[in-house]
Amino acid sequence: MLVPLFHPIAISYGIDPLHFGFLFVFNLVIGMLTPPVGVVLFVVCGITGVKMGELVRESWPFIAAMYALLVVCIFVPDLATWLPRSLGY
């Protein structure tokens, strides 16, 4: 719901639409994996029977790595757009 609002703003600031879309979706993925809302965490707990505390404790290194990758992709846009660009998008 927010993409149609933020897309023209991003374009007016000179942000590549492909890069903007990648960062938007990557932020959504991180949001679905982080507590307290982490919908994916609830699904995994329901399927595996693992307690939420154990799952959150073990997932922090992966979440930290995703945040680090997000920061790198923000400041190095070619990292996120090289494959689509090489395929002609």
PDB file of N, CA and C in Angstrom:
ATOM      1  N   MET A   1       0.810  -1.184   0.000  1.00  0.00           N
ATOM      2  CA  MET A   1       0.000   0.000   0.000  1.00  0.00           C
ATOM      3  C   MET A   1       0.861   1.258   0.000  1.00  0.00           C
ATOM      4  N   LEU A   2       2.080   1.147   0.483  1.00  0.00           N
ATOM      5  CA  LEU A   2       2.923   2.336   0.558  1.00  0.00           C
ATOM      6  C   LEU A   2       3.767   2.570  -0.692  1.00  0.00           C
ATOM      7  N   VAL A   3       3.955   1.535  -1.484  1.00  0.00           N
ATOM      8  CA  VAL A   3       4.796   1.688  -2.682  1.00  0.00           C
ATOM      9  C   VAL A   3       4.264   2.761  -3.621  1.00  0.00           C
ATOM     10  N   PRO A   4       2.956   2.809  -3.918  1.00  0.00           N
ATOM     11  CA  PRO A   4       2.479   3.879  -4.810  1.00  0.00           C
ATOM     12  C   PRO A   4       2.695   5.283  -4.237  1.00  0.00           C
ATOM     13  N   LEU A   5       2.789   5.386  -2.929  1.00  0.00           N
ATOM     14  CA  LEU A   5       3.046   6.692  -2.321  1.00  0.00           C
ATOM     15  C   LEU A   5       4.523   7.061  -2.354  1.00  0.00           C
ATOM     16  N   PHE A   6       5.372   6.079  -2.077  1.00  0.00           N
ATOM     17  CA  PHE A   6       6.808   6.358  -1.983  1.00  0.00           C
ATOM     18  C   PHE A   6       7.521   6.330  -3.333  1.00  0.00           C
ATOM     19  N   HIS A   7       6.971   5.633  -4.313  1.00  0.00           N
ATOM     20  CA  HIS A   7       7.638   5.525  -5.606  1.00  0.00           C
ATOM     21  C   HIS A   7       7.853   6.888  -6.275  1.00  0.00           C
ATOM     22  N   PRO A   8       6.851   7.742  -6.394  1.00  0.00           N
ATOM     23  CA  PRO A   8       7.112   9.054  -7.016  1.00  0.00           C
ATOM     24  C   PRO A   8       8.107   9.898  -6.226  1.00  0.00           C
ATOM     25  N   ILE A   9       8.083   9.761  -4.919  1.00  0.00           N
ATOM     26  CA  ILE A   9       9.043  10.502  -4.104  1.00  0.00           C
ATOM     27  C   ILE A   9      10.455  10.010  -4.379  1.00  0.00           C
ATOM     28  N   ALA A  10      10.622   8.690  -4.452  1.00  0.00           N
ATOM     29  CA  ALA A  10      11.941   8.123  -4.732  1.00  0.00           C
ATOM     30  C   ALA A  10      12.435   8.548  -6.111  1.00  0.00           C
ATOM     31  N   ILE A  11      11.545   8.557  -7.084  1.00  0.00           N
ATOM     32  CA  ILE A  11      11.921   8.974  -8.440  1.00  0.00           C
ATOM     33  C   ILE A  11      12.336  10.442  -8.452  1.00  0.00           C
ATOM     34  N   SER A  12      11.612  11.277  -7.706  1.00  0.00           N
ATOM     35  CA  SER A  12      11.957  12.706  -7.681  1.00  0.00           C
ATOM     36  C   SER A  12      13.319  12.951  -7.030  1.00  0.00           C
ATOM     37  N   TYR A  13      13.750  12.055  -6.156  1.00  0.00           N
ATOM     38  CA  TYR A  13      15.077  12.175  -5.542  1.00  0.00           C
ATOM     39  C   TYR A  13      16.161  11.492  -6.369  1.00  0.00           C
ATOM     40  N   GLY A  14      15.786  10.905  -7.493  1.00  0.00           N
ATOM     41  CA  GLY A  14      16.766  10.296  -8.375  1.00  0.00           C
ATOM     42  C   GLY A  14      17.152   8.877  -8.007  1.00  0.00           C
ATOM     43  N   ILE A  15      16.322   8.190  -7.255  1.00  0.00           N
ATOM     44  CA  ILE A  15      16.603   6.813  -6.866  1.00  0.00           C
ATOM     45  C   ILE A  15      16.114   5.894  -7.980  1.00  0.00           C
ATOM     46  N   ASP A  16      16.939   4.939  -8.350  1.00  0.00           N
ATOM     47  CA  ASP A  16      16.600   3.973  -9.393  1.00  0.00           C
ATOM     48  C   ASP A  16      15.385   3.150  -8.949  1.00  0.00           C
ATOM     49  N   PRO A  17      14.367   3.026  -9.791  1.00  0.00           N
ATOM     50  CA  PRO A  17      13.164   2.274  -9.396  1.00  0.00           C
ATOM     51  C   PRO A  17      13.441   0.812  -9.062  1.00  0.00           C
ATOM     52  N   LEU A  18      14.379   0.204  -9.766  1.00  0.00           N
ATOM     53  CA  LEU A  18      14.735  -1.183  -9.472  1.00  0.00           C
ATOM     54  C   LEU A  18      15.372  -1.302  -8.096  1.00  0.00           C
ATOM     55  N   HIS A  19      16.262  -0.383  -7.800  1.00  0.00           N
ATOM     56  CA  HIS A  19      16.920  -0.374  -6.488  1.00  0.00           C
ATOM     57  C   HIS A  19      15.906  -0.099  -5.385  1.00  0.00           C
ATOM     58  N   PHE A  20      15.010   0.826  -5.618  1.00  0.00           N
ATOM     59  CA  PHE A  20      13.966   1.142  -4.644  1.00  0.00           C
ATOM     60  C   PHE A  20      13.090  -0.077  -4.367  1.00  0.00           C
ATOM     61  N   GLY A  21      12.682  -0.779  -5.416  1.00  0.00           N
ATOM     62  CA  GLY A  21      11.851  -1.965  -5.240  1.00  0.00           C
ATOM     63  C   GLY A  21      12.571  -3.063  -4.480  1.00  0.00           C
ATOM     64  N   PHE A  22      13.849  -3.276  -4.794  1.00  0.00           N
ATOM     65  CA  PHE A  22      14.628  -4.280  -4.081  1.00  0.00           C
ATOM     66  C   PHE A  22      14.725  -3.952  -2.599  1.00  0.00           C
ATOM     67  N   LEU A  23      15.055  -2.707  -2.282  1.00  0.00           N
ATOM     68  CA  LEU A  23      15.184  -2.319  -0.877  1.00  0.00           C
ATOM     69  C   LEU A  23      13.852  -2.403  -0.146  1.00  0.00           C
ATOM     70  N   PHE A  24      12.781  -2.060  -0.807  1.00  0.00           N
ATOM     71  CA  PHE A  24      11.458  -2.113  -0.187  1.00  0.00           C
ATOM     72  C   PHE A  24      11.088  -3.557   0.162  1.00  0.00           C
ATOM     73  N   VAL A  25      11.286  -4.463  -0.779  1.00  0.00           N
ATOM     74  CA  VAL A  25      10.950  -5.867  -0.540  1.00  0.00           C
ATOM     75  C   VAL A  25      11.881  -6.481   0.499  1.00  0.00           C
ATOM     76  N   PHE A  26      13.147  -6.135   0.458  1.00  0.00           N
ATOM     77  CA  PHE A  26      14.104  -6.669   1.438  1.00  0.00           C
ATOM     78  C   PHE A  26      13.761  -6.189   2.847  1.00  0.00           C
ATOM     79  N   ASN A  27      13.341  -4.941   2.970  1.00  0.00           N
ATOM     80  CA  ASN A  27      12.887  -4.440   4.279  1.00  0.00           C
ATOM     81  C   ASN A  27      11.651  -5.187   4.761  1.00  0.00           C
ATOM     82  N   LEU A  28      10.742  -5.500   3.857  1.00  0.00           N
ATOM     83  CA  LEU A  28       9.548  -6.270   4.233  1.00  0.00           C
ATOM     84  C   LEU A  28       9.917  -7.664   4.729  1.00  0.00           C
ATOM     85  N   VAL A  29      10.872  -8.294   4.072  1.00  0.00           N
ATOM     86  CA  VAL A  29      11.316  -9.623   4.488  1.00  0.00           C
ATOM     87  C   VAL A  29      11.925  -9.569   5.882  1.00  0.00           C
ATOM     88  N   ILE A  30      12.762  -8.588   6.127  1.00  0.00           N
ATOM     89  CA  ILE A  30      13.364  -8.450   7.452  1.00  0.00           C
ATOM     90  C   ILE A  30      12.281  -8.194   8.491  1.00  0.00           C
ATOM     91  N   GLY A  31      11.299  -7.388   8.155  1.00  0.00           N
ATOM     92  CA  GLY A  31      10.211  -7.104   9.085  1.00  0.00           C
ATOM     93  C   GLY A  31       9.383  -8.330   9.411  1.00  0.00           C
ATOM     94  N   MET A  32       9.248  -9.235   8.456  1.00  0.00           N
ATOM     95  CA  MET A  32       8.475 -10.445   8.715  1.00  0.00           C
ATOM     96  C   MET A  32       9.248 -11.455   9.549  1.00  0.00           C
ATOM     97  N   LEU A  33      10.560 -11.248   9.688  1.00  0.00           N
ATOM     98  CA  LEU A  33      11.391 -12.175  10.458  1.00  0.00           C
ATOM     99  C   LEU A  33      11.766 -11.666  11.834  1.00  0.00           C
ATOM    100  N   THR A  34      11.488 -10.413  12.131  1.00  0.00           N
ATOM    101  CA  THR A  34      11.923  -9.858  13.407  1.00  0.00           C
ATOM    102  C   THR A  34      10.767  -9.729  14.387  1.00  0.00           C
ATOM    103  N   PRO A  35      11.032 -10.017  15.652  1.00  0.00           N
ATOM    104  CA  PRO A  35       9.986  -9.851  16.673  1.00  0.00           C
ATOM    105  C   PRO A  35       9.685  -8.371  16.858  1.00  0.00           C
ATOM    106  N   PRO A  36       8.566  -7.982  17.351  1.00  0.00           N
ATOM    107  CA  PRO A  36       7.469  -8.764  17.901  1.00  0.00           C
ATOM    108  C   PRO A  36       6.436  -9.167  16.869  1.00  0.00           C
ATOM    109  N   VAL A  37       6.464  -8.616  15.665  1.00  0.00           N
ATOM    110  CA  VAL A  37       5.422  -8.908  14.691  1.00  0.00           C
ATOM    111  C   VAL A  37       5.764 -10.157  13.890  1.00  0.00           C
ATOM    112  N   GLY A  38       7.001 -10.499  13.717  1.00  0.00           N
ATOM    113  CA  GLY A  38       7.519 -11.581  12.915  1.00  0.00           C
ATOM    114  C   GLY A  38       6.577 -12.722  12.588  1.00  0.00           C
ATOM    115  N   VAL A  39       5.763 -12.544  11.575  1.00  0.00           N
ATOM    116  CA  VAL A  39       4.771 -13.536  11.183  1.00  0.00           C
ATOM    117  C   VAL A  39       5.444 -14.855  10.832  1.00  0.00           C
ATOM    118  N   VAL A  40       6.589 -14.789  10.171  1.00  0.00           N
ATOM    119  CA  VAL A  40       7.286 -15.999   9.772  1.00  0.00           C
ATOM    120  C   VAL A  40       7.742 -16.783  11.008  1.00  0.00           C
ATOM    121  N   LEU A  41       8.117 -16.076  12.065  1.00  0.00           N
ATOM    122  CA  LEU A  41       8.527 -16.769  13.289  1.00  0.00           C
ATOM    123  C   LEU A  41       7.382 -17.583  13.876  1.00  0.00           C
ATOM    124  N   PHE A  42       6.178 -17.035  13.859  1.00  0.00           N
ATOM    125  CA  PHE A  42       5.024 -17.766  14.380  1.00  0.00           C
ATOM    126  C   PHE A  42       4.724 -18.992  13.524  1.00  0.00           C
ATOM    127  N   VAL A  43       4.859 -18.868  12.223  1.00  0.00           N
ATOM    128  CA  VAL A  43       4.616 -20.001  11.333  1.00  0.00           C
ATOM    129  C   VAL A  43       5.643 -21.105  11.581  1.00  0.00           C
ATOM    130  N   VAL A  44       6.910 -20.726  11.707  1.00  0.00           N
ATOM    131  CA  VAL A  44       7.958 -21.717  11.946  1.00  0.00           C
ATOM    132  C   VAL A  44       7.755 -22.400  13.291  1.00  0.00           C
ATOM    133  N   CYS A  45       7.392 -21.636  14.305  1.00  0.00           N
ATOM    134  CA  CYS A  45       7.129 -22.233  15.623  1.00  0.00           C
ATOM    135  C   CYS A  45       5.960 -23.204  15.559  1.00  0.00           C
ATOM    136  N   GLY A  46       4.931 -22.863  14.824  1.00  0.00           N
ATOM    137  CA  GLY A  46       3.778 -23.747  14.698  1.00  0.00           C
ATOM    138  C   GLY A  46       4.092 -25.024  13.954  1.00  0.00           C
ATOM    139  N   ILE A  47       4.923 -24.939  12.942  1.00  0.00           N
ATOM    140  CA  ILE A  47       5.250 -26.122  12.140  1.00  0.00           C
ATOM    141  C   ILE A  47       6.227 -27.037  12.870  1.00  0.00           C
ATOM    142  N   THR A  48       7.252 -26.453  13.480  1.00  0.00           N
ATOM    143  CA  THR A  48       8.313 -27.265  14.076  1.00  0.00           C
ATOM    144  C   THR A  48       8.075 -27.619  15.530  1.00  0.00           C
ATOM    145  N   GLY A  49       7.249 -26.854  16.231  1.00  0.00           N
ATOM    146  CA  GLY A  49       7.039 -27.104  17.648  1.00  0.00           C
ATOM    147  C   GLY A  49       8.124 -26.514  18.543  1.00  0.00           C
ATOM    148  N   VAL A  50       9.016 -25.730  17.970  1.00  0.00           N
ATOM    149  CA  VAL A  50      10.073 -25.073  18.736  1.00  0.00           C
ATOM    150  C   VAL A  50       9.473 -23.877  19.453  1.00  0.00           C
ATOM    151  N   LYS A  51       9.932 -23.613  20.671  1.00  0.00           N
ATOM    152  CA  LYS A  51       9.426 -22.463  21.418  1.00  0.00           C
ATOM    153  C   LYS A  51       9.948 -21.169  20.806  1.00  0.00           C
ATOM    154  N   MET A  52       9.129 -20.122  20.924  1.00  0.00           N
ATOM    155  CA  MET A  52       9.459 -18.826  20.319  1.00  0.00           C
ATOM    156  C   MET A  52      10.777 -18.284  20.858  1.00  0.00           C
ATOM    157  N   GLY A  53      11.016 -18.405  22.141  1.00  0.00           N
ATOM    158  CA  GLY A  53      12.255 -17.896  22.733  1.00  0.00           C
ATOM    159  C   GLY A  53      13.487 -18.547  22.145  1.00  0.00           C
ATOM    160  N   GLU A  54      13.436 -19.856  21.953  1.00  0.00           N
ATOM    161  CA  GLU A  54      14.567 -20.566  21.367  1.00  0.00           C
ATOM    162  C   GLU A  54      14.799 -20.140  19.926  1.00  0.00           C
ATOM    163  N   LEU A  55      13.721 -20.014  19.181  1.00  0.00           N
ATOM    164  CA  LEU A  55      13.847 -19.625  17.777  1.00  0.00           C
ATOM    165  C   LEU A  55      14.412 -18.219  17.629  1.00  0.00           C
ATOM    166  N   VAL A  56      13.930 -17.296  18.434  1.00  0.00           N
ATOM    167  CA  VAL A  56      14.423 -15.917  18.358  1.00  0.00           C
ATOM    168  C   VAL A  56      15.888 -15.858  18.764  1.00  0.00           C
ATOM    169  N   ARG A  57      16.247 -16.591  19.798  1.00  0.00           N
ATOM    170  CA  ARG A  57      17.635 -16.589  20.268  1.00  0.00           C
ATOM    171  C   ARG A  57      18.584 -17.095  19.184  1.00  0.00           C
ATOM    172  N   GLU A  58      18.162 -18.122  18.462  1.00  0.00           N
ATOM    173  CA  GLU A  58      19.021 -18.703  17.431  1.00  0.00           C
ATOM    174  C   GLU A  58      18.983 -17.934  16.109  1.00  0.00           C
ATOM    175  N   SER A  59      17.977 -17.114  15.889  1.00  0.00           N
ATOM    176  CA  SER A  59      17.869 -16.412  14.612  1.00  0.00           C
ATOM    177  C   SER A  59      18.547 -15.046  14.606  1.00  0.00           C
ATOM    178  N   TRP A  60      18.980 -14.525  15.753  1.00  0.00           N
ATOM    179  CA  TRP A  60      19.590 -13.190  15.791  1.00  0.00           C
ATOM    180  C   TRP A  60      20.816 -13.038  14.890  1.00  0.00           C
ATOM    181  N   PRO A  61      21.727 -14.017  14.824  1.00  0.00           N
ATOM    182  CA  PRO A  61      22.870 -13.818  13.903  1.00  0.00           C
ATOM    183  C   PRO A  61      22.436 -13.652  12.444  1.00  0.00           C
ATOM    184  N   PHE A  62      21.419 -14.382  12.037  1.00  0.00           N
ATOM    185  CA  PHE A  62      20.942 -14.277  10.662  1.00  0.00           C
ATOM    186  C   PHE A  62      20.251 -12.934  10.413  1.00  0.00           C
ATOM    187  N   ILE A  63      19.500 -12.475  11.395  1.00  0.00           N
ATOM    188  CA  ILE A  63      18.841 -11.173  11.265  1.00  0.00           C
ATOM    189  C   ILE A  63      19.882 -10.054  11.220  1.00  0.00           C
ATOM    190  N   ALA A  64      20.926 -10.174  12.045  1.00  0.00           N
ATOM    191  CA  ALA A  64      22.005  -9.176  12.019  1.00  0.00           C
ATOM    192  C   ALA A  64      22.703  -9.177  10.660  1.00  0.00           C
ATOM    193  N   ALA A  65      22.911 -10.353  10.097  1.00  0.00           N
ATOM    194  CA  ALA A  65      23.533 -10.434   8.769  1.00  0.00           C
ATOM    195  C   ALA A  65      22.638  -9.799   7.707  1.00  0.00           C
ATOM    196  N   MET A  66      21.318  -9.978   7.835  1.00  0.00           N
ATOM    197  CA  MET A  66      20.407  -9.365   6.872  1.00  0.00           C
ATOM    198  C   MET A  66      20.430  -7.841   6.988  1.00  0.00           C
ATOM    199  N   TYR A  67      20.497  -7.319   8.206  1.00  0.00           N
ATOM    200  CA  TYR A  67      20.604  -5.872   8.375  1.00  0.00           C
ATOM    201  C   TYR A  67      21.916  -5.348   7.788  1.00  0.00           C
ATOM    202  N   ALA A  68      23.009  -6.090   7.996  1.00  0.00           N
ATOM    203  CA  ALA A  68      24.296  -5.674   7.435  1.00  0.00           C
ATOM    204  C   ALA A  68      24.233  -5.666   5.907  1.00  0.00           C
ATOM    205  N   LEU A  69      23.626  -6.693   5.327  1.00  0.00           N
ATOM    206  CA  LEU A  69      23.478  -6.738   3.873  1.00  0.00           C
ATOM    207  C   LEU A  69      22.587  -5.612   3.370  1.00  0.00           C
ATOM    208  N   LEU A  70      21.557  -5.270   4.126  1.00  0.00           N
ATOM    209  CA  LEU A  70      20.690  -4.162   3.743  1.00  0.00           C
ATOM    210  C   LEU A  70      21.461  -2.847   3.703  1.00  0.00           C
ATOM    211  N   VAL A  71      22.287  -2.611   4.691  1.00  0.00           N
ATOM    212  CA  VAL A  71      23.087  -1.380   4.721  1.00  0.00           C
ATOM    213  C   VAL A  71      24.049  -1.347   3.538  1.00  0.00           C
ATOM    214  N   VAL A  72      24.672  -2.484   3.249  1.00  0.00           N
ATOM    215  CA  VAL A  72      25.594  -2.535   2.103  1.00  0.00           C
ATOM    216  C   VAL A  72      24.838  -2.277   0.802  1.00  0.00           C
ATOM    217  N   CYS A  73      23.651  -2.859   0.658  1.00  0.00           N
ATOM    218  CA  CYS A  73      22.871  -2.661  -0.571  1.00  0.00           C
ATOM    219  C   CYS A  73      22.365  -1.229  -0.695  1.00  0.00           C
ATOM    220  N   ILE A  74      22.133  -0.566   0.416  1.00  0.00           N
ATOM    221  CA  ILE A  74      21.712   0.836   0.362  1.00  0.00           C
ATOM    222  C   ILE A  74      22.835   1.706  -0.196  1.00  0.00           C
ATOM    223  N   PHE A  75      24.062   1.474   0.270  1.00  0.00           N
ATOM    224  CA  PHE A  75      25.168   2.333  -0.115  1.00  0.00           C
ATOM    225  C   PHE A  75      25.900   1.870  -1.374  1.00  0.00           C
ATOM    226  N   VAL A  76      25.683   0.624  -1.802  1.00  0.00           N
ATOM    227  CA  VAL A  76      26.285   0.116  -3.033  1.00  0.00           C
ATOM    228  C   VAL A  76      25.156  -0.436  -3.909  1.00  0.00           C
ATOM    229  N   PRO A  77      24.435   0.423  -4.606  1.00  0.00           N
ATOM    230  CA  PRO A  77      23.275  -0.028  -5.373  1.00  0.00           C
ATOM    231  C   PRO A  77      23.606  -1.031  -6.473  1.00  0.00           C
ATOM    232  N   ASP A  78      24.826  -0.993  -6.997  1.00  0.00           N
ATOM    233  CA  ASP A  78      25.196  -1.933  -8.055  1.00  0.00           C
ATOM    234  C   ASP A  78      25.185  -3.374  -7.564  1.00  0.00           C
ATOM    235  N   LEU A  79      25.365  -3.579  -6.280  1.00  0.00           N
ATOM    236  CA  LEU A  79      25.327  -4.925  -5.718  1.00  0.00           C
ATOM    237  C   LEU A  79      23.941  -5.548  -5.868  1.00  0.00           C
ATOM    238  N   ALA A  80      22.916  -4.730  -5.720  1.00  0.00           N
ATOM    239  CA  ALA A  80      21.542  -5.231  -5.802  1.00  0.00           C
ATOM    240  C   ALA A  80      20.998  -5.248  -7.220  1.00  0.00           C
ATOM    241  N   THR A  81      21.576  -4.457  -8.106  1.00  0.00           N
ATOM    242  CA  THR A  81      20.986  -4.322  -9.442  1.00  0.00           C
ATOM    243  C   THR A  81      21.821  -4.922 -10.564  1.00  0.00           C
ATOM    244  N   TRP A  82      22.964  -5.515 -10.269  1.00  0.00           N
ATOM    245  CA  TRP A  82      23.820  -6.010 -11.355  1.00  0.00           C
ATOM    246  C   TRP A  82      23.179  -7.169 -12.107  1.00  0.00           C
ATOM    247  N   LEU A  83      22.530  -8.096 -11.408  1.00  0.00           N
ATOM    248  CA  LEU A  83      21.931  -9.231 -12.105  1.00  0.00           C
ATOM    249  C   LEU A  83      20.746  -8.807 -12.977  1.00  0.00           C
ATOM    250  N   PRO A  84      19.795  -8.038 -12.460  1.00  0.00           N
ATOM    251  CA  PRO A  84      18.709  -7.584 -13.366  1.00  0.00           C
ATOM    252  C   PRO A  84      19.228  -6.746 -14.530  1.00  0.00           C
ATOM    253  N   ARG A  85      20.232  -5.924 -14.281  1.00  0.00           N
ATOM    254  CA  ARG A  85      20.781  -5.107 -15.364  1.00  0.00           C
ATOM    255  C   ARG A  85      21.458  -5.980 -16.426  1.00  0.00           C
ATOM    256  N   SER A  86      22.130  -7.041 -15.974  1.00  0.00           N
ATOM    257  CA  SER A  86      22.785  -7.920 -16.955  1.00  0.00           C
ATOM    258  C   SER A  86      21.767  -8.730 -17.751  1.00  0.00           C
ATOM    259  N   LEU A  87      20.550  -8.906 -17.206  1.00  0.00           N
ATOM    260  CA  LEU A  87      19.490  -9.598 -17.927  1.00  0.00           C
ATOM    261  C   LEU A  87      18.637  -8.659 -18.768  1.00  0.00           C
ATOM    262  N   GLY A  88      18.954  -7.361 -18.738  1.00  0.00           N
ATOM    263  CA  GLY A  88      18.290  -6.419 -19.614  1.00  0.00           C
ATOM    264  C   GLY A  88      17.190  -5.597 -18.981  1.00  0.00           C
ATOM    265  N   TYR A  89      17.046  -5.629 -17.686  1.00  0.00           N
ATOM    266  CA  TYR A  89      15.999  -4.844 -17.035  1.00  0.00           C
ATOM    267  C   TYR A  89      16.490  -3.498 -16.610  1.00  0.00           C
TER     268      TYR A  89
END
